[in-house]
Structure formats: C-alpha cells, structure tokens
Amino acid sequence: MAHTMMEHRNGLIVDMECAEFNGRAEVEAALEMLERTAKPGSTVGADKNYDQQRFVQRARELKVTPHVAQKRKGSAIDGRTTRHPGYAASQKIRKRIEEGFGWLKTVGGLRKTKLIGRAKLSAQLLLGFSVYNLIRLGSLSGWWRGSHV
C-alpha cells in the first residue's frame, strides 16, 4: 500500500510510505510520517479511518492537531478540534490528496506495477510523486500551462 502526506496550501506531497497491506497499515504509516515530517503546531487532516483513540492521542503527543473526519458514534475527536474554522477547511482540502494518486495511476504508469518488493515499489513511488510535485510546482508558478495537475 502507498501512503502519502500532503501539505494543504499547495497540494504538494511532502512524505510517502510504502507498507504491507493489513488492517493497521494506514494508521501506522500515518504515525510514522507524522513523526518524521510534521512540525509541532501543525494540523493533519484525515478520513474516518483515522478517528481512533491511538492515532488522535499520538498526534497530540507530537503536538499536531488531528483534523480527522468524525465517526457518528464513539469519535476520538471532540469539540476542542471541531469548533475551529480550520477544521472545516481541512475536511474540504484533505480530499485533494487523491489527485496525486490519480495522476500516478493515469500518467505516472502505476495503475499496475511490474515491480516486486517493497524497496522497488517505494523507489517507483518516490520517483512518481517527485515528478508529480515538479509538475504541480510548474502549474502553481505559472511556467507550466498544461492541465496535467
């Protein structure tokens, strides 16, 4: 499984993790990326799968505010987080992370990988997301007039 961390302002991929597919891979990979990349005082947006006590508690220990989508019952997120306008903004912007995966599958040639092994797949993902970021930077700065990203 491929997991990414995106910064919200420009939609650039700032970290990537390739993990074995199991029931806990998403949360474990997210916590590893937070420990490596996130700065104290930042926020992290995520879907309902991350609304778990373990993820929310560890994010807060790292001094990162978890803006995860709330479950209807038994949510680990409370009013401290959801009452701020930044929470609503994070919930809208967090869906943008799928653009990188969509680009990687259509343009980047990773719909079906031909590589075997986590190390080789990680290298292919790193290269693909690096190219995605370069094209995204070109689109943001105005020197690339294409509509690829």
N, C-alpha and C. Protein backbone atom coordinates (compact mmCIF):
# COMPACT_ATOMS: atom_id res chain seq x y z
N MET A 1 0.84 -1.18 0.00
CA MET A 1 0.00 0.00 0.00
C MET A 1 0.88 1.24 0.00
N ALA A 2 0.45 2.24 -0.72
CA ALA A 2 1.16 3.51 -0.73
C ALA A 2 0.39 4.51 0.12
N HIS A 3 1.11 5.25 0.93
CA HIS A 3 0.52 6.27 1.80
C HIS A 3 1.31 7.56 1.57
N THR A 4 0.59 8.67 1.56
CA THR A 4 1.27 9.95 1.35
C THR A 4 0.81 10.97 2.38
N MET A 5 1.65 11.98 2.56
CA MET A 5 1.31 13.14 3.38
C MET A 5 1.45 14.36 2.48
N MET A 6 0.40 15.18 2.46
CA MET A 6 0.35 16.34 1.59
C MET A 6 0.24 17.60 2.42
N GLU A 7 0.91 18.67 1.97
CA GLU A 7 0.70 19.94 2.63
C GLU A 7 -0.50 20.60 1.96
N HIS A 8 -1.33 21.25 2.75
CA HIS A 8 -2.61 21.73 2.26
C HIS A 8 -2.54 22.97 1.39
N ARG A 9 -1.58 23.82 1.60
CA ARG A 9 -1.57 25.10 0.90
C ARG A 9 -1.44 24.93 -0.62
N ASN A 10 -0.51 24.07 -1.05
CA ASN A 10 -0.25 23.93 -2.49
C ASN A 10 -0.53 22.53 -3.03
N GLY A 11 -0.84 21.60 -2.18
CA GLY A 11 -1.14 20.24 -2.64
C GLY A 11 0.09 19.44 -3.03
N LEU A 12 1.22 19.75 -2.43
CA LEU A 12 2.45 19.03 -2.72
C LEU A 12 2.62 17.85 -1.76
N ILE A 13 3.14 16.75 -2.28
CA ILE A 13 3.39 15.56 -1.48
C ILE A 13 4.69 15.80 -0.70
N VAL A 14 4.63 15.73 0.63
CA VAL A 14 5.82 16.01 1.44
C VAL A 14 6.43 14.75 2.06
N ASP A 15 5.68 13.67 2.09
CA ASP A 15 6.22 12.41 2.61
C ASP A 15 5.44 11.26 2.01
N MET A 16 6.08 10.10 1.96
CA MET A 16 5.49 8.92 1.35
C MET A 16 5.95 7.68 2.10
N GLU A 17 5.08 6.72 2.20
CA GLU A 17 5.40 5.47 2.89
C GLU A 17 4.79 4.32 2.10
N CYS A 18 5.53 3.26 1.94
CA CYS A 18 5.04 2.05 1.30
C CYS A 18 4.97 0.97 2.38
N ALA A 19 3.78 0.43 2.62
CA ALA A 19 3.60 -0.51 3.73
C ALA A 19 2.91 -1.78 3.24
N GLU A 20 3.05 -2.80 4.04
CA GLU A 20 2.37 -4.07 3.77
C GLU A 20 0.88 -3.89 4.01
N PHE A 21 0.07 -4.53 3.18
CA PHE A 21 -1.37 -4.41 3.30
C PHE A 21 -1.87 -5.25 4.47
N ASN A 22 -2.38 -4.56 5.50
CA ASN A 22 -3.02 -5.23 6.63
C ASN A 22 -4.02 -4.25 7.23
N GLY A 23 -4.73 -4.62 8.22
CA GLY A 23 -5.77 -3.78 8.79
C GLY A 23 -5.28 -2.55 9.52
N ARG A 24 -4.00 -2.51 9.86
CA ARG A 24 -3.45 -1.40 10.64
C ARG A 24 -2.47 -0.54 9.85
N ALA A 25 -2.23 -0.85 8.60
CA ALA A 25 -1.17 -0.21 7.83
C ALA A 25 -1.37 1.29 7.68
N GLU A 26 -2.59 1.73 7.44
CA GLU A 26 -2.81 3.16 7.21
C GLU A 26 -2.44 3.99 8.42
N VAL A 27 -2.93 3.60 9.57
CA VAL A 27 -2.68 4.38 10.79
C VAL A 27 -1.20 4.31 11.16
N GLU A 28 -0.59 3.14 11.07
CA GLU A 28 0.83 3.01 11.40
C GLU A 28 1.70 3.85 10.47
N ALA A 29 1.39 3.82 9.17
CA ALA A 29 2.17 4.60 8.21
C ALA A 29 1.98 6.10 8.47
N ALA A 30 0.76 6.51 8.79
CA ALA A 30 0.49 7.92 9.07
C ALA A 30 1.27 8.39 10.29
N LEU A 31 1.30 7.57 11.32
CA LEU A 31 2.04 7.95 12.53
C LEU A 31 3.54 8.03 12.25
N GLU A 32 4.06 7.11 11.46
CA GLU A 32 5.49 7.16 11.09
C GLU A 32 5.80 8.44 10.33
N MET A 33 4.93 8.80 9.38
CA MET A 33 5.16 10.02 8.60
C MET A 33 5.04 11.26 9.47
N LEU A 34 4.09 11.26 10.42
CA LEU A 34 3.97 12.39 11.34
C LEU A 34 5.23 12.56 12.17
N GLU A 35 5.75 11.45 12.68
CA GLU A 35 6.97 11.51 13.49
C GLU A 35 8.15 12.04 12.69
N ARG A 36 8.22 11.66 11.40
CA ARG A 36 9.32 12.08 10.54
C ARG A 36 9.19 13.52 10.07
N THR A 37 7.97 13.93 9.74
CA THR A 37 7.79 15.13 8.95
C THR A 37 7.10 16.29 9.65
N ALA A 38 6.08 16.00 10.44
CA ALA A 38 5.23 17.06 10.99
C ALA A 38 5.96 17.90 12.03
N LYS A 39 5.72 19.19 11.96
CA LYS A 39 6.28 20.13 12.93
C LYS A 39 5.26 20.41 14.02
N PRO A 40 5.70 20.63 15.24
CA PRO A 40 4.76 20.97 16.31
C PRO A 40 3.93 22.20 15.94
N GLY A 41 2.65 22.13 16.23
CA GLY A 41 1.74 23.22 15.91
C GLY A 41 1.03 23.05 14.59
N SER A 42 1.40 22.04 13.80
CA SER A 42 0.74 21.83 12.52
C SER A 42 -0.53 21.00 12.72
N THR A 43 -1.29 20.84 11.66
CA THR A 43 -2.51 20.04 11.71
C THR A 43 -2.38 18.90 10.70
N VAL A 44 -3.15 17.85 10.91
CA VAL A 44 -3.19 16.75 9.96
C VAL A 44 -4.66 16.42 9.69
N GLY A 45 -5.04 16.45 8.42
CA GLY A 45 -6.40 16.10 8.01
C GLY A 45 -6.43 14.66 7.56
N ALA A 46 -7.50 13.95 7.90
CA ALA A 46 -7.60 12.54 7.52
C ALA A 46 -9.06 12.11 7.51
N ASP A 47 -9.32 10.93 6.93
CA ASP A 47 -10.69 10.44 6.85
C ASP A 47 -11.09 9.69 8.13
N LYS A 48 -12.29 9.10 8.12
CA LYS A 48 -12.85 8.48 9.32
C LYS A 48 -12.04 7.30 9.84
N ASN A 49 -11.28 6.67 8.97
CA ASN A 49 -10.48 5.53 9.40
C ASN A 49 -9.47 5.93 10.48
N TYR A 50 -9.09 7.20 10.49
CA TYR A 50 -8.09 7.68 11.45
C TYR A 50 -8.72 8.19 12.74
N ASP A 51 -10.04 8.15 12.83
CA ASP A 51 -10.73 8.57 14.05
C ASP A 51 -10.66 7.44 15.07
N GLN A 52 -9.46 7.22 15.56
CA GLN A 52 -9.17 6.18 16.55
C GLN A 52 -8.41 6.83 17.70
N GLN A 53 -8.66 6.35 18.87
CA GLN A 53 -8.01 6.91 20.06
C GLN A 53 -6.49 6.88 19.92
N ARG A 54 -5.95 5.79 19.40
CA ARG A 54 -4.50 5.64 19.28
C ARG A 54 -3.90 6.71 18.37
N PHE A 55 -4.51 6.94 17.22
CA PHE A 55 -3.99 7.93 16.27
C PHE A 55 -4.11 9.34 16.83
N VAL A 56 -5.29 9.67 17.34
CA VAL A 56 -5.53 11.02 17.86
C VAL A 56 -4.61 11.32 19.03
N GLN A 57 -4.47 10.37 19.93
CA GLN A 57 -3.62 10.57 21.11
C GLN A 57 -2.16 10.74 20.71
N ARG A 58 -1.67 9.91 19.79
CA ARG A 58 -0.26 10.01 19.38
C ARG A 58 -0.01 11.32 18.62
N ALA A 59 -0.96 11.75 17.80
CA ALA A 59 -0.81 13.02 17.09
C ALA A 59 -0.71 14.17 18.09
N ARG A 60 -1.54 14.13 19.10
CA ARG A 60 -1.50 15.20 20.11
C ARG A 60 -0.20 15.16 20.91
N GLU A 61 0.34 13.96 21.15
CA GLU A 61 1.64 13.85 21.83
C GLU A 61 2.74 14.50 20.99
N LEU A 62 2.60 14.42 19.67
CA LEU A 62 3.57 15.04 18.77
C LEU A 62 3.28 16.52 18.57
N LYS A 63 2.28 17.04 19.30
CA LYS A 63 1.85 18.44 19.21
C LYS A 63 1.34 18.79 17.82
N VAL A 64 0.63 17.83 17.21
CA VAL A 64 -0.03 18.01 15.92
C VAL A 64 -1.53 17.88 16.16
N THR A 65 -2.30 18.83 15.65
CA THR A 65 -3.75 18.80 15.85
C THR A 65 -4.37 17.88 14.81
N PRO A 66 -5.06 16.81 15.24
CA PRO A 66 -5.67 15.88 14.28
C PRO A 66 -7.02 16.39 13.79
N HIS A 67 -7.11 16.73 12.51
CA HIS A 67 -8.36 17.14 11.88
C HIS A 67 -8.92 15.95 11.12
N VAL A 68 -9.33 14.92 11.83
CA VAL A 68 -9.87 13.73 11.20
C VAL A 68 -11.38 13.83 11.15
N ALA A 69 -11.98 13.21 10.12
CA ALA A 69 -13.43 13.20 9.99
C ALA A 69 -14.01 12.41 11.16
N GLN A 70 -15.06 12.93 11.76
CA GLN A 70 -15.65 12.30 12.94
C GLN A 70 -16.56 11.14 12.58
N LYS A 71 -16.46 10.08 13.36
CA LYS A 71 -17.43 9.00 13.28
C LYS A 71 -18.70 9.47 13.97
N ARG A 72 -19.82 8.88 13.60
CA ARG A 72 -21.09 9.27 14.23
C ARG A 72 -21.12 8.88 15.70
N LYS A 73 -20.60 7.70 16.00
CA LYS A 73 -20.59 7.22 17.39
C LYS A 73 -19.17 6.85 17.79
N GLY A 74 -18.81 7.19 19.00
CA GLY A 74 -17.51 6.80 19.55
C GLY A 74 -16.32 7.51 18.93
N SER A 75 -16.48 8.77 18.61
CA SER A 75 -15.39 9.52 17.99
C SER A 75 -14.32 9.88 19.01
N ALA A 76 -13.08 9.86 18.56
CA ALA A 76 -11.95 10.27 19.41
C ALA A 76 -11.73 11.78 19.33
N ILE A 77 -12.42 12.44 18.40
CA ILE A 77 -12.31 13.89 18.22
C ILE A 77 -13.46 14.55 18.97
N ASP A 78 -13.16 15.64 19.66
CA ASP A 78 -14.19 16.34 20.42
C ASP A 78 -14.30 17.79 19.97
N GLY A 79 -15.07 18.56 20.69
CA GLY A 79 -15.33 19.95 20.35
C GLY A 79 -14.10 20.85 20.36
N ARG A 80 -13.05 20.45 21.05
CA ARG A 80 -11.82 21.26 21.05
C ARG A 80 -11.30 21.46 19.64
N THR A 81 -11.48 20.44 18.83
CA THR A 81 -10.95 20.48 17.47
C THR A 81 -11.99 20.95 16.47
N THR A 82 -13.21 20.42 16.55
CA THR A 82 -14.20 20.67 15.51
C THR A 82 -14.79 22.07 15.54
N ARG A 83 -14.66 22.80 16.61
CA ARG A 83 -15.28 24.13 16.68
C ARG A 83 -14.52 25.20 15.90
N HIS A 84 -13.30 24.94 15.52
CA HIS A 84 -12.48 25.92 14.82
C HIS A 84 -12.74 25.91 13.31
N PRO A 85 -12.68 27.06 12.66
CA PRO A 85 -12.91 27.12 11.21
C PRO A 85 -11.86 26.32 10.41
N GLY A 86 -10.66 26.17 10.96
CA GLY A 86 -9.62 25.41 10.28
C GLY A 86 -9.98 23.94 10.11
N TYR A 87 -10.79 23.41 11.01
CA TYR A 87 -11.22 22.02 10.91
C TYR A 87 -12.06 21.82 9.66
N ALA A 88 -13.02 22.70 9.43
CA ALA A 88 -13.88 22.60 8.24
C ALA A 88 -13.05 22.74 6.97
N ALA A 89 -12.09 23.65 6.98
CA ALA A 89 -11.22 23.84 5.81
C ALA A 89 -10.39 22.58 5.54
N SER A 90 -9.87 21.97 6.59
CA SER A 90 -9.08 20.74 6.43
C SER A 90 -9.92 19.62 5.85
N GLN A 91 -11.18 19.54 6.23
CA GLN A 91 -12.04 18.48 5.73
C GLN A 91 -12.32 18.64 4.23
N LYS A 92 -12.35 19.88 3.75
CA LYS A 92 -12.53 20.10 2.31
C LYS A 92 -11.25 19.83 1.54
N ILE A 93 -10.14 20.30 2.06
CA ILE A 93 -8.87 20.22 1.34
C ILE A 93 -8.28 18.82 1.36
N ARG A 94 -8.56 18.03 2.39
CA ARG A 94 -7.92 16.72 2.52
C ARG A 94 -8.23 15.79 1.36
N LYS A 95 -9.32 16.03 0.66
CA LYS A 95 -9.69 15.19 -0.48
C LYS A 95 -8.74 15.39 -1.66
N ARG A 96 -7.99 16.49 -1.65
CA ARG A 96 -7.06 16.79 -2.73
C ARG A 96 -5.92 15.77 -2.81
N ILE A 97 -5.69 15.02 -1.75
CA ILE A 97 -4.59 14.05 -1.75
C ILE A 97 -4.82 12.96 -2.80
N GLU A 98 -6.08 12.73 -3.14
CA GLU A 98 -6.40 11.72 -4.15
C GLU A 98 -5.92 12.13 -5.54
N GLU A 99 -5.70 13.43 -5.77
CA GLU A 99 -5.22 13.89 -7.08
C GLU A 99 -3.85 13.30 -7.40
N GLY A 100 -2.99 13.21 -6.39
CA GLY A 100 -1.66 12.64 -6.60
C GLY A 100 -1.73 11.17 -6.99
N PHE A 101 -2.60 10.44 -6.33
CA PHE A 101 -2.76 9.02 -6.67
C PHE A 101 -3.38 8.86 -8.05
N GLY A 102 -4.34 9.70 -8.37
CA GLY A 102 -4.96 9.65 -9.70
C GLY A 102 -3.95 9.93 -10.79
N TRP A 103 -3.11 10.95 -10.58
CA TRP A 103 -2.08 11.27 -11.56
C TRP A 103 -1.10 10.12 -11.69
N LEU A 104 -0.71 9.53 -10.57
CA LEU A 104 0.26 8.45 -10.59
C LEU A 104 -0.28 7.23 -11.35
N LYS A 105 -1.57 6.99 -11.24
CA LYS A 105 -2.16 5.84 -11.93
C LYS A 105 -2.34 6.10 -13.42
N THR A 106 -2.76 7.30 -13.80
CA THR A 106 -3.04 7.57 -15.21
C THR A 106 -1.78 7.97 -15.98
N VAL A 107 -1.08 8.96 -15.49
CA VAL A 107 0.08 9.50 -16.20
C VAL A 107 1.37 8.81 -15.76
N GLY A 108 1.51 8.55 -14.47
CA GLY A 108 2.74 8.01 -13.91
C GLY A 108 2.95 6.52 -14.13
N GLY A 109 1.99 5.83 -14.72
CA GLY A 109 2.17 4.43 -15.06
C GLY A 109 2.13 3.45 -13.90
N LEU A 110 1.48 3.82 -12.81
CA LEU A 110 1.44 2.92 -11.67
C LEU A 110 0.07 2.30 -11.44
N ARG A 111 -0.73 2.21 -12.50
CA ARG A 111 -2.02 1.53 -12.32
C ARG A 111 -1.77 0.08 -11.91
N LYS A 112 -0.79 -0.52 -12.56
CA LYS A 112 -0.40 -1.88 -12.19
C LYS A 112 1.12 -1.94 -12.25
N THR A 113 1.75 -2.07 -11.11
CA THR A 113 3.21 -2.07 -11.07
C THR A 113 3.76 -3.40 -11.58
N LYS A 114 4.91 -3.31 -12.17
CA LYS A 114 5.59 -4.51 -12.66
C LYS A 114 6.73 -4.91 -11.74
N LEU A 115 6.87 -4.19 -10.64
CA LEU A 115 7.97 -4.43 -9.71
C LEU A 115 7.53 -5.30 -8.55
N ILE A 116 8.46 -6.09 -8.03
CA ILE A 116 8.18 -6.95 -6.89
C ILE A 116 9.08 -6.52 -5.74
N GLY A 117 8.49 -6.37 -4.57
CA GLY A 117 9.25 -5.99 -3.39
C GLY A 117 8.97 -4.57 -2.97
N ARG A 118 8.96 -4.38 -1.66
CA ARG A 118 8.64 -3.07 -1.11
C ARG A 118 9.68 -2.02 -1.46
N ALA A 119 10.95 -2.39 -1.49
CA ALA A 119 12.01 -1.42 -1.79
C ALA A 119 11.88 -0.89 -3.22
N LYS A 120 11.62 -1.78 -4.16
CA LYS A 120 11.49 -1.35 -5.56
C LYS A 120 10.22 -0.52 -5.75
N LEU A 121 9.14 -0.94 -5.13
CA LEU A 121 7.90 -0.18 -5.24
C LEU A 121 8.05 1.19 -4.58
N SER A 122 8.74 1.25 -3.46
CA SER A 122 8.98 2.54 -2.80
C SER A 122 9.77 3.47 -3.70
N ALA A 123 10.76 2.94 -4.38
CA ALA A 123 11.56 3.76 -5.30
C ALA A 123 10.70 4.27 -6.45
N GLN A 124 9.83 3.43 -6.98
CA GLN A 124 8.96 3.84 -8.07
C GLN A 124 7.96 4.90 -7.59
N LEU A 125 7.43 4.73 -6.39
CA LEU A 125 6.52 5.72 -5.82
C LEU A 125 7.22 7.05 -5.58
N LEU A 126 8.43 7.00 -5.04
CA LEU A 126 9.19 8.22 -4.79
C LEU A 126 9.45 8.98 -6.08
N LEU A 127 9.85 8.27 -7.11
CA LEU A 127 10.10 8.90 -8.40
C LEU A 127 8.81 9.49 -8.96
N GLY A 128 7.72 8.72 -8.91
CA GLY A 128 6.44 9.18 -9.44
C GLY A 128 5.92 10.41 -8.72
N PHE A 129 5.94 10.39 -7.40
CA PHE A 129 5.45 11.54 -6.64
C PHE A 129 6.39 12.74 -6.77
N SER A 130 7.66 12.51 -6.99
CA SER A 130 8.60 13.62 -7.22
C SER A 130 8.25 14.32 -8.53
N VAL A 131 7.98 13.55 -9.56
CA VAL A 131 7.59 14.14 -10.85
C VAL A 131 6.25 14.87 -10.70
N TYR A 132 5.32 14.27 -9.97
CA TYR A 132 4.03 14.93 -9.71
C TYR A 132 4.26 16.29 -9.06
N ASN A 133 5.13 16.35 -8.06
CA ASN A 133 5.42 17.61 -7.38
C ASN A 133 6.04 18.63 -8.33
N LEU A 134 6.95 18.19 -9.19
CA LEU A 134 7.57 19.11 -10.14
C LEU A 134 6.54 19.70 -11.09
N ILE A 135 5.65 18.87 -11.60
CA ILE A 135 4.60 19.37 -12.49
C ILE A 135 3.64 20.28 -11.73
N ARG A 136 3.33 19.90 -10.51
CA ARG A 136 2.45 20.73 -9.68
C ARG A 136 3.09 22.09 -9.40
N LEU A 137 4.38 22.11 -9.10
CA LEU A 137 5.10 23.37 -8.88
C LEU A 137 5.07 24.24 -10.14
N GLY A 138 5.26 23.60 -11.28
CA GLY A 138 5.20 24.35 -12.53
C GLY A 138 3.83 24.94 -12.78
N SER A 139 2.79 24.20 -12.45
CA SER A 139 1.43 24.71 -12.61
C SER A 139 1.16 25.86 -11.65
N LEU A 140 1.62 25.74 -10.42
CA LEU A 140 1.39 26.78 -9.41
C LEU A 140 2.14 28.06 -9.74
N SER A 141 3.35 27.93 -10.28
CA SER A 141 4.17 29.11 -10.55
C SER A 141 3.80 29.79 -11.87
N GLY A 142 3.10 29.08 -12.74
CA GLY A 142 2.67 29.68 -13.99
C GLY A 142 3.55 29.38 -15.18
N TRP A 143 4.71 28.74 -15.00
CA TRP A 143 5.55 28.45 -16.16
C TRP A 143 5.07 27.23 -16.92
N TRP A 144 4.26 26.41 -16.32
CA TRP A 144 3.68 25.25 -17.00
C TRP A 144 2.22 25.55 -17.25
N ARG A 145 1.85 25.63 -18.50
CA ARG A 145 0.48 25.99 -18.83
C ARG A 145 -0.39 24.79 -19.13
N GLY A 146 0.15 23.59 -18.97
CA GLY A 146 -0.60 22.38 -19.21
C GLY A 146 -1.64 22.16 -18.14
N SER A 147 -2.52 21.23 -18.38
CA SER A 147 -3.58 20.96 -17.40
C SER A 147 -3.42 19.56 -16.80
N HIS A 148 -2.18 19.11 -16.68
CA HIS A 148 -1.94 17.78 -16.14
C HIS A 148 -2.21 17.68 -14.66
N VAL A 149 -1.98 18.76 -13.93
CA VAL A 149 -2.17 18.74 -12.48
C VAL A 149 -2.81 20.03 -12.07
